[in-house]
Amino acid sequence: FHKFGRVIKEARIGKGLSQKQVALAVRMKQPDISGIEEGKKNITLFTMIRLCKILGIKKIDIS
């Protein structure tokens, strides 16, 4: 999840969004977004899809 977190953070910053704005969009709390970006929080596939959709991420190489 660490690599996914970096991708999420880069996409969020690239769109000029704060962690709080992303959290509100996916109905999570800001500390959860921080944990995801740091690779410290496990997430469901559903949450991963929602984050990708909101941040415009089409493809991620997480290998």
C-alpha atoms as a PDB file:
ATOM      1  CA  PHE A   1       0.000   0.000   0.000  1.00  0.00           C
ATOM      2  CA  HIS A   2       3.015   2.268   0.332  1.00  0.00           C
ATOM      3  CA  LYS A   3       3.366   2.804  -3.421  1.00  0.00           C
ATOM      4  CA  PHE A   4      -0.383   3.381  -3.785  1.00  0.00           C
ATOM      5  CA  GLY A   5      -0.148   6.029  -1.065  1.00  0.00           C
ATOM      6  CA  ARG A   6       2.553   7.894  -2.987  1.00  0.00           C
ATOM      7  CA  VAL A   7       0.447   7.802  -6.149  1.00  0.00           C
ATOM      8  CA  ILE A   8      -2.569   9.161  -4.254  1.00  0.00           C
ATOM      9  CA  LYS A   9      -0.515  11.953  -2.684  1.00  0.00           C
ATOM     10  CA  GLU A  10       1.047  12.999  -6.000  1.00  0.00           C
ATOM     11  CA  ALA A  11      -2.353  13.030  -7.727  1.00  0.00           C
ATOM     12  CA  ARG A  12      -3.944  15.005  -4.875  1.00  0.00           C
ATOM     13  CA  ILE A  13      -1.187  17.625  -4.880  1.00  0.00           C
ATOM     14  CA  GLY A  14      -1.246  17.761  -8.680  1.00  0.00           C
ATOM     15  CA  LYS A  15      -4.928  18.663  -8.534  1.00  0.00           C
ATOM     16  CA  GLY A  16      -4.313  21.265  -5.833  1.00  0.00           C
ATOM     17  CA  LEU A  17      -6.486  19.459  -3.290  1.00  0.00           C
ATOM     18  CA  SER A  18      -5.976  19.216   0.438  1.00  0.00           C
ATOM     19  CA  GLN A  19      -6.255  15.954   2.332  1.00  0.00           C
ATOM     20  CA  LYS A  20      -9.422  17.307   3.916  1.00  0.00           C
ATOM     21  CA  GLN A  21     -11.009  18.017   0.522  1.00  0.00           C
ATOM     22  CA  VAL A  22     -10.255  14.486  -0.665  1.00  0.00           C
ATOM     23  CA  ALA A  23     -11.522  13.043   2.610  1.00  0.00           C
ATOM     24  CA  LEU A  24     -14.826  14.873   2.248  1.00  0.00           C
ATOM     25  CA  ALA A  25     -15.197  13.682  -1.342  1.00  0.00           C
ATOM     26  CA  VAL A  26     -14.751  10.021  -0.374  1.00  0.00           C
ATOM     27  CA  ARG A  27     -16.587  10.329   2.960  1.00  0.00           C
ATOM     28  CA  MET A  28     -13.566   9.658   5.111  1.00  0.00           C
ATOM     29  CA  LYS A  29     -11.659  11.619   7.738  1.00  0.00           C
ATOM     30  CA  GLN A  30      -8.497  13.589   6.978  1.00  0.00           C
ATOM     31  CA  PRO A  31      -6.309  11.401   9.232  1.00  0.00           C
ATOM     32  CA  ASP A  32      -7.432   8.387   7.174  1.00  0.00           C
ATOM     33  CA  ILE A  33      -6.222  10.047   3.959  1.00  0.00           C
ATOM     34  CA  SER A  34      -2.936  10.872   5.673  1.00  0.00           C
ATOM     35  CA  GLY A  35      -2.567   7.242   6.751  1.00  0.00           C
ATOM     36  CA  ILE A  36      -3.280   6.020   3.226  1.00  0.00           C
ATOM     37  CA  GLU A  37      -0.716   8.408   1.740  1.00  0.00           C
ATOM     38  CA  GLU A  38       1.894   7.255   4.270  1.00  0.00           C
ATOM     39  CA  GLY A  39       1.145   3.596   3.558  1.00  0.00           C
ATOM     40  CA  LYS A  40       0.084   3.049   7.175  1.00  0.00           C
ATOM     41  CA  LYS A  41      -3.624   2.431   6.609  1.00  0.00           C
ATOM     42  CA  ASN A  42      -5.061  -0.565   4.821  1.00  0.00           C
ATOM     43  CA  ILE A  43      -7.998   0.198   2.556  1.00  0.00           C
ATOM     44  CA  THR A  44     -10.658  -1.758   0.756  1.00  0.00           C
ATOM     45  CA  LEU A  45     -10.812  -2.144  -2.999  1.00  0.00           C
ATOM     46  CA  PHE A  46     -13.964   0.007  -2.946  1.00  0.00           C
ATOM     47  CA  THR A  47     -12.091   2.869  -1.248  1.00  0.00           C
ATOM     48  CA  MET A  48      -9.192   2.494  -3.671  1.00  0.00           C
ATOM     49  CA  ILE A  49     -11.588   2.796  -6.620  1.00  0.00           C
ATOM     50  CA  ARG A  50     -13.296   5.870  -5.118  1.00  0.00           C
ATOM     51  CA  LEU A  51      -9.956   7.606  -4.552  1.00  0.00           C
ATOM     52  CA  CYS A  52      -8.796   6.838  -8.085  1.00  0.00           C
ATOM     53  CA  LYS A  53     -12.053   8.110  -9.546  1.00  0.00           C
ATOM     54  CA  ILE A  54     -11.963  11.383  -7.602  1.00  0.00           C
ATOM     55  CA  LEU A  55      -8.289  11.990  -8.352  1.00  0.00           C
ATOM     56  CA  GLY A  56      -8.529  10.990 -12.018  1.00  0.00           C
ATOM     57  CA  ILE A  57      -6.152   8.053 -11.692  1.00  0.00           C
ATOM     58  CA  LYS A  58      -6.713   5.621 -14.556  1.00  0.00           C
ATOM     59  CA  LYS A  59      -3.909   3.097 -14.104  1.00  0.00           C
ATOM     60  CA  ILE A  60      -1.513   2.322 -11.286  1.00  0.00           C
ATOM     61  CA  ASP A  61       1.527   0.074 -11.385  1.00  0.00           C
ATOM     62  CA  ILE A  62       1.669  -1.186  -7.811  1.00  0.00           C
ATOM     63  CA  SER A  63       4.184  -3.965  -8.442  1.00  0.00           C
END
